[in-house]
């Protein structure tokens, strides 16, 4: 998923799944909902800064 193009509801052009997009999606999942997924599919999470960093590093290791 990281680095891929994501088609977002209500946005014409795809967005990059970069650090900012991933972190925003964790903090506020309804900010940019991927086409094909319902709103309120995931609850928002509030983590400590080092937990966000660790989670982002882990996501970057996942295969596409």
PDB file of N, CA and C in Angstrom:
ATOM      1  N   UNK A   1       0.812  -1.181   0.000  1.00  0.00           N
ATOM      2  CA  UNK A   1       0.000   0.000   0.000  1.00  0.00           C
ATOM      3  C   UNK A   1       0.864   1.257   0.000  1.00  0.00           C
ATOM      4  N   UNK A   2       1.914   1.304   0.799  1.00  0.00           N
ATOM      5  CA  UNK A   2       2.740   2.506   0.886  1.00  0.00           C
ATOM      6  C   UNK A   2       3.330   2.818  -0.487  1.00  0.00           C
ATOM      7  N   UNK A   3       3.218   4.070  -0.892  1.00  0.00           N
ATOM      8  CA  UNK A   3       3.769   4.509  -2.167  1.00  0.00           C
ATOM      9  C   UNK A   3       2.836   4.308  -3.344  1.00  0.00           C
ATOM     10  N   UNK A   4       1.695   3.669  -3.125  1.00  0.00           N
ATOM     11  CA  UNK A   4       0.756   3.430  -4.214  1.00  0.00           C
ATOM     12  C   UNK A   4      -0.132   4.656  -4.430  1.00  0.00           C
ATOM     13  N   UNK A   5      -0.855   4.643  -5.512  1.00  0.00           N
ATOM     14  CA  UNK A   5      -1.836   5.685  -5.807  1.00  0.00           C
ATOM     15  C   UNK A   5      -3.185   5.213  -5.285  1.00  0.00           C
ATOM     16  N   UNK A   6      -3.894   6.072  -4.567  1.00  0.00           N
ATOM     17  CA  UNK A   6      -5.185   5.731  -3.980  1.00  0.00           C
ATOM     18  C   UNK A   6      -6.259   6.630  -4.575  1.00  0.00           C
ATOM     19  N   UNK A   7      -7.341   6.028  -5.084  1.00  0.00           N
ATOM     20  CA  UNK A   7      -8.474   6.796  -5.604  1.00  0.00           C
ATOM     21  C   UNK A   7      -9.391   7.116  -4.432  1.00  0.00           C
ATOM     22  N   UNK A   8      -9.573   8.397  -4.178  1.00  0.00           N
ATOM     23  CA  UNK A   8     -10.311   8.882  -3.017  1.00  0.00           C
ATOM     24  C   UNK A   8     -11.688   9.386  -3.438  1.00  0.00           C
ATOM     25  N   UNK A   9     -12.694   9.048  -2.650  1.00  0.00           N
ATOM     26  CA  UNK A   9     -14.051   9.540  -2.914  1.00  0.00           C
ATOM     27  C   UNK A   9     -14.055  11.066  -2.913  1.00  0.00           C
ATOM     28  N   UNK A  10     -14.655  11.642  -3.947  1.00  0.00           N
ATOM     29  CA  UNK A  10     -14.806  13.088  -4.008  1.00  0.00           C
ATOM     30  C   UNK A  10     -13.580  13.845  -4.491  1.00  0.00           C
ATOM     31  N   UNK A  11     -12.496  13.129  -4.812  1.00  0.00           N
ATOM     32  CA  UNK A  11     -11.283  13.770  -5.328  1.00  0.00           C
ATOM     33  C   UNK A  11     -11.001  13.170  -6.702  1.00  0.00           C
ATOM     34  N   UNK A  12     -10.868  14.033  -7.708  1.00  0.00           N
ATOM     35  CA  UNK A  12     -10.723  13.563  -9.083  1.00  0.00           C
ATOM     36  C   UNK A  12      -9.426  12.794  -9.313  1.00  0.00           C
ATOM     37  N   UNK A  13      -8.306  13.360  -8.874  1.00  0.00           N
ATOM     38  CA  UNK A  13      -7.010  12.729  -9.126  1.00  0.00           C
ATOM     39  C   UNK A  13      -6.607  11.827  -7.963  1.00  0.00           C
ATOM     40  N   UNK A  14      -5.969  10.687  -8.260  1.00  0.00           N
ATOM     41  CA  UNK A  14      -5.492   9.814  -7.179  1.00  0.00           C
ATOM     42  C   UNK A  14      -4.460  10.532  -6.312  1.00  0.00           C
ATOM     43  N   UNK A  15      -4.340  10.097  -5.080  1.00  0.00           N
ATOM     44  CA  UNK A  15      -3.343  10.658  -4.169  1.00  0.00           C
ATOM     45  C   UNK A  15      -2.303   9.588  -3.862  1.00  0.00           C
ATOM     46  N   UNK A  16      -1.091  10.034  -3.543  1.00  0.00           N
ATOM     47  CA  UNK A  16      -0.020   9.111  -3.173  1.00  0.00           C
ATOM     48  C   UNK A  16      -0.193   8.674  -1.728  1.00  0.00           C
ATOM     49  N   UNK A  17      -0.007   7.391  -1.484  1.00  0.00           N
ATOM     50  CA  UNK A  17      -0.038   6.874  -0.111  1.00  0.00           C
ATOM     51  C   UNK A  17       1.352   7.076   0.489  1.00  0.00           C
ATOM     52  N   UNK A  18       1.640   8.325   0.849  1.00  0.00           N
ATOM     53  CA  UNK A  18       2.932   8.686   1.426  1.00  0.00           C
ATOM     54  C   UNK A  18       2.798   8.824   2.941  1.00  0.00           C
ATOM     55  N   UNK A  19       3.845   9.292   3.594  1.00  0.00           N
ATOM     56  CA  UNK A  19       3.827   9.431   5.057  1.00  0.00           C
ATOM     57  C   UNK A  19       2.629  10.255   5.535  1.00  0.00           C
ATOM     58  N   UNK A  20       2.414  11.408   4.905  1.00  0.00           N
ATOM     59  CA  UNK A  20       1.340  12.306   5.341  1.00  0.00           C
ATOM     60  C   UNK A  20      -0.028  11.648   5.186  1.00  0.00           C
ATOM     61  N   UNK A  21      -0.249  10.985   4.057  1.00  0.00           N
ATOM     62  CA  UNK A  21      -1.534  10.319   3.814  1.00  0.00           C
ATOM     63  C   UNK A  21      -1.774   9.196   4.827  1.00  0.00           C
ATOM     64  N   UNK A  22      -0.762   8.367   5.057  1.00  0.00           N
ATOM     65  CA  UNK A  22      -0.897   7.245   5.995  1.00  0.00           C
ATOM     66  C   UNK A  22      -1.200   7.764   7.403  1.00  0.00           C
ATOM     67  N   UNK A  23      -0.436   8.744   7.854  1.00  0.00           N
ATOM     68  CA  UNK A  23      -0.651   9.276   9.203  1.00  0.00           C
ATOM     69  C   UNK A  23      -2.024   9.934   9.339  1.00  0.00           C
ATOM     70  N   UNK A  24      -2.443  10.680   8.325  1.00  0.00           N
ATOM     71  CA  UNK A  24      -3.775  11.290   8.359  1.00  0.00           C
ATOM     72  C   UNK A  24      -4.855  10.207   8.404  1.00  0.00           C
ATOM     73  N   UNK A  25      -4.652   9.128   7.663  1.00  0.00           N
ATOM     74  CA  UNK A  25      -5.639   8.050   7.627  1.00  0.00           C
ATOM     75  C   UNK A  25      -5.754   7.325   8.961  1.00  0.00           C
ATOM     76  N   UNK A  26      -4.670   7.273   9.716  1.00  0.00           N
ATOM     77  CA  UNK A  26      -4.704   6.659  11.045  1.00  0.00           C
ATOM     78  C   UNK A  26      -5.400   7.601  12.025  1.00  0.00           C
ATOM     79  N   UNK A  27      -5.021   8.868  11.970  1.00  0.00           N
ATOM     80  CA  UNK A  27      -5.579   9.852  12.912  1.00  0.00           C
ATOM     81  C   UNK A  27      -7.039  10.186  12.620  1.00  0.00           C
ATOM     82  N   UNK A  28      -7.372  10.289  11.335  1.00  0.00           N
ATOM     83  CA  UNK A  28      -8.721  10.682  10.921  1.00  0.00           C
ATOM     84  C   UNK A  28      -9.115   9.869   9.684  1.00  0.00           C
ATOM     85  N   UNK A  29      -9.558   8.625   9.881  1.00  0.00           N
ATOM     86  CA  UNK A  29      -9.840   7.729   8.759  1.00  0.00           C
ATOM     87  C   UNK A  29     -10.872   8.246   7.760  1.00  0.00           C
ATOM     88  N   UNK A  30     -11.755   9.130   8.175  1.00  0.00           N
ATOM     89  CA  UNK A  30     -12.775   9.642   7.260  1.00  0.00           C
ATOM     90  C   UNK A  30     -12.324  10.867   6.472  1.00  0.00           C
ATOM     91  N   UNK A  31     -11.099  11.323   6.670  1.00  0.00           N
ATOM     92  CA  UNK A  31     -10.607  12.503   5.952  1.00  0.00           C
ATOM     93  C   UNK A  31     -10.529  12.238   4.452  1.00  0.00           C
ATOM     94  N   UNK A  32     -10.007  11.084   4.073  1.00  0.00           N
ATOM     95  CA  UNK A  32      -9.882  10.696   2.666  1.00  0.00           C
ATOM     96  C   UNK A  32     -10.231   9.216   2.567  1.00  0.00           C
ATOM     97  N   UNK A  33     -11.484   8.939   2.229  1.00  0.00           N
ATOM     98  CA  UNK A  33     -11.963   7.559   2.158  1.00  0.00           C
ATOM     99  C   UNK A  33     -11.681   7.007   0.766  1.00  0.00           C
ATOM    100  N   UNK A  34     -11.018   5.861   0.706  1.00  0.00           N
ATOM    101  CA  UNK A  34     -10.685   5.218  -0.562  1.00  0.00           C
ATOM    102  C   UNK A  34     -11.965   4.721  -1.224  1.00  0.00           C
ATOM    103  N   UNK A  35     -12.041   4.951  -2.539  1.00  0.00           N
ATOM    104  CA  UNK A  35     -13.190   4.504  -3.322  1.00  0.00           C
ATOM    105  C   UNK A  35     -13.390   3.002  -3.110  1.00  0.00           C
ATOM    106  N   UNK A  36     -14.627   2.606  -2.840  1.00  0.00           N
ATOM    107  CA  UNK A  36     -14.938   1.198  -2.617  1.00  0.00           C
ATOM    108  C   UNK A  36     -15.026   0.809  -1.152  1.00  0.00           C
ATOM    109  N   UNK A  37     -14.628   1.717  -0.261  1.00  0.00           N
ATOM    110  CA  UNK A  37     -14.717   1.461   1.173  1.00  0.00           C
ATOM    111  C   UNK A  37     -15.753   2.399   1.787  1.00  0.00           C
ATOM    112  N   UNK A  38     -16.500   1.917   2.786  1.00  0.00           N
ATOM    113  CA  UNK A  38     -17.489   2.787   3.429  1.00  0.00           C
ATOM    114  C   UNK A  38     -16.833   3.754   4.408  1.00  0.00           C
ATOM    115  N   UNK A  39     -17.502   4.873   4.649  1.00  0.00           N
ATOM    116  CA  UNK A  39     -17.051   5.782   5.704  1.00  0.00           C
ATOM    117  C   UNK A  39     -17.258   5.099   7.050  1.00  0.00           C
ATOM    118  N   UNK A  40     -16.528   5.540   8.035  1.00  0.00           N
ATOM    119  CA  UNK A  40     -16.603   4.972   9.387  1.00  0.00           C
ATOM    120  C   UNK A  40     -16.220   3.498   9.423  1.00  0.00           C
ATOM    121  N   UNK A  41     -15.396   3.067   8.473  1.00  0.00           N
ATOM    122  CA  UNK A  41     -14.937   1.674   8.402  1.00  0.00           C
ATOM    123  C   UNK A  41     -13.919   1.385   9.496  1.00  0.00           C
ATOM    124  N   UNK A  42     -13.154   2.409   9.866  1.00  0.00           N
ATOM    125  CA  UNK A  42     -12.115   2.261  10.879  1.00  0.00           C
ATOM    126  C   UNK A  42     -12.242   3.400  11.887  1.00  0.00           C
ATOM    127  N   UNK A  43     -12.095   3.105  13.156  1.00  0.00           N
ATOM    128  CA  UNK A  43     -12.132   4.191  14.139  1.00  0.00           C
ATOM    129  C   UNK A  43     -10.832   4.991  14.109  1.00  0.00           C
ATOM    130  N   UNK A  44     -10.865   6.261  14.509  1.00  0.00           N
ATOM    131  CA  UNK A  44      -9.619   7.035  14.592  1.00  0.00           C
ATOM    132  C   UNK A  44      -8.767   6.545  15.756  1.00  0.00           C
ATOM    133  N   UNK A  45      -7.466   6.696  15.617  1.00  0.00           N
ATOM    134  CA  UNK A  45      -6.538   6.298  16.671  1.00  0.00           C
ATOM    135  C   UNK A  45      -5.684   7.480  17.081  1.00  0.00           C
ATOM    136  N   UNK A  46      -5.492   7.636  18.369  1.00  0.00           N
ATOM    137  CA  UNK A  46      -4.590   8.649  18.905  1.00  0.00           C
ATOM    138  C   UNK A  46      -3.446   7.902  19.580  1.00  0.00           C
ATOM    139  N   UNK A  47      -2.277   8.037  19.012  1.00  0.00           N
ATOM    140  CA  UNK A  47      -1.094   7.348  19.512  1.00  0.00           C
ATOM    141  C   UNK A  47      -0.045   8.358  19.935  1.00  0.00           C
ATOM    142  N   UNK A  48       0.967   7.879  20.601  1.00  0.00           N
ATOM    143  CA  UNK A  48       2.121   8.716  20.932  1.00  0.00           C
ATOM    144  C   UNK A  48       2.969   8.871  19.674  1.00  0.00           C
ATOM    145  N   UNK A  49       3.762   9.938  19.617  1.00  0.00           N
ATOM    146  CA  UNK A  49       4.562  10.228  18.429  1.00  0.00           C
ATOM    147  C   UNK A  49       5.441   9.047  18.037  1.00  0.00           C
ATOM    148  N   UNK A  50       6.095   8.405  19.008  1.00  0.00           N
ATOM    149  CA  UNK A  50       6.964   7.274  18.677  1.00  0.00           C
ATOM    150  C   UNK A  50       6.156   6.068  18.188  1.00  0.00           C
ATOM    151  N   UNK A  51       4.907   5.939  18.617  1.00  0.00           N
ATOM    152  CA  UNK A  51       4.057   4.849  18.131  1.00  0.00           C
ATOM    153  C   UNK A  51       3.652   5.088  16.676  1.00  0.00           C
ATOM    154  N   UNK A  52       3.349   6.345  16.318  1.00  0.00           N
ATOM    155  CA  UNK A  52       3.069   6.667  14.915  1.00  0.00           C
ATOM    156  C   UNK A  52       4.287   6.351  14.052  1.00  0.00           C
ATOM    157  N   UNK A  53       5.458   6.732  14.529  1.00  0.00           N
ATOM    158  CA  UNK A  53       6.689   6.483  13.778  1.00  0.00           C
ATOM    159  C   UNK A  53       6.901   4.994  13.575  1.00  0.00           C
ATOM    160  N   UNK A  54       6.743   4.209  14.630  1.00  0.00           N
ATOM    161  CA  UNK A  54       6.927   2.759  14.540  1.00  0.00           C
ATOM    162  C   UNK A  54       5.915   2.132  13.585  1.00  0.00           C
ATOM    163  N   UNK A  55       4.667   2.566  13.664  1.00  0.00           N
ATOM    164  CA  UNK A  55       3.626   2.027  12.794  1.00  0.00           C
ATOM    165  C   UNK A  55       3.905   2.378  11.340  1.00  0.00           C
ATOM    166  N   UNK A  56       4.318   3.598  11.080  1.00  0.00           N
ATOM    167  CA  UNK A  56       4.646   4.018   9.722  1.00  0.00           C
ATOM    168  C   UNK A  56       5.827   3.218   9.177  1.00  0.00           C
ATOM    169  N   UNK A  57       6.848   3.008   9.980  1.00  0.00           N
ATOM    170  CA  UNK A  57       7.993   2.199   9.551  1.00  0.00           C
ATOM    171  C   UNK A  57       7.562   0.773   9.230  1.00  0.00           C
ATOM    172  N   UNK A  58       6.680   0.213  10.031  1.00  0.00           N
ATOM    173  CA  UNK A  58       6.175  -1.135   9.768  1.00  0.00           C
ATOM    174  C   UNK A  58       5.403  -1.178   8.451  1.00  0.00           C
ATOM    175  N   UNK A  59       4.509  -0.225   8.237  1.00  0.00           N
ATOM    176  CA  UNK A  59       3.708  -0.191   7.010  1.00  0.00           C
ATOM    177  C   UNK A  59       4.608  -0.122   5.782  1.00  0.00           C
ATOM    178  N   UNK A  60       5.704   0.601   5.879  1.00  0.00           N
ATOM    179  CA  UNK A  60       6.637   0.713   4.755  1.00  0.00           C
ATOM    180  C   UNK A  60       7.288  -0.621   4.405  1.00  0.00           C
ATOM    181  N   UNK A  61       7.322  -1.570   5.337  1.00  0.00           N
ATOM    182  CA  UNK A  61       7.945  -2.872   5.058  1.00  0.00           C
ATOM    183  C   UNK A  61       6.997  -3.845   4.378  1.00  0.00           C
ATOM    184  N   UNK A  62       5.701  -3.551   4.374  1.00  0.00           N
ATOM    185  CA  UNK A  62       4.722  -4.472   3.804  1.00  0.00           C
ATOM    186  C   UNK A  62       4.833  -4.511   2.288  1.00  0.00           C
ATOM    187  N   UNK A  63       4.633  -5.667   1.731  1.00  0.00           N
ATOM    188  CA  UNK A  63       4.681  -5.838   0.272  1.00  0.00           C
ATOM    189  C   UNK A  63       3.408  -5.290  -0.350  1.00  0.00           C
ATOM    190  N   UNK A  64       3.527  -4.852  -1.575  1.00  0.00           N
ATOM    191  CA  UNK A  64       2.358  -4.358  -2.312  1.00  0.00           C
ATOM    192  C   UNK A  64       1.541  -5.524  -2.804  1.00  0.00           C
TER     193      UNK A  64
END
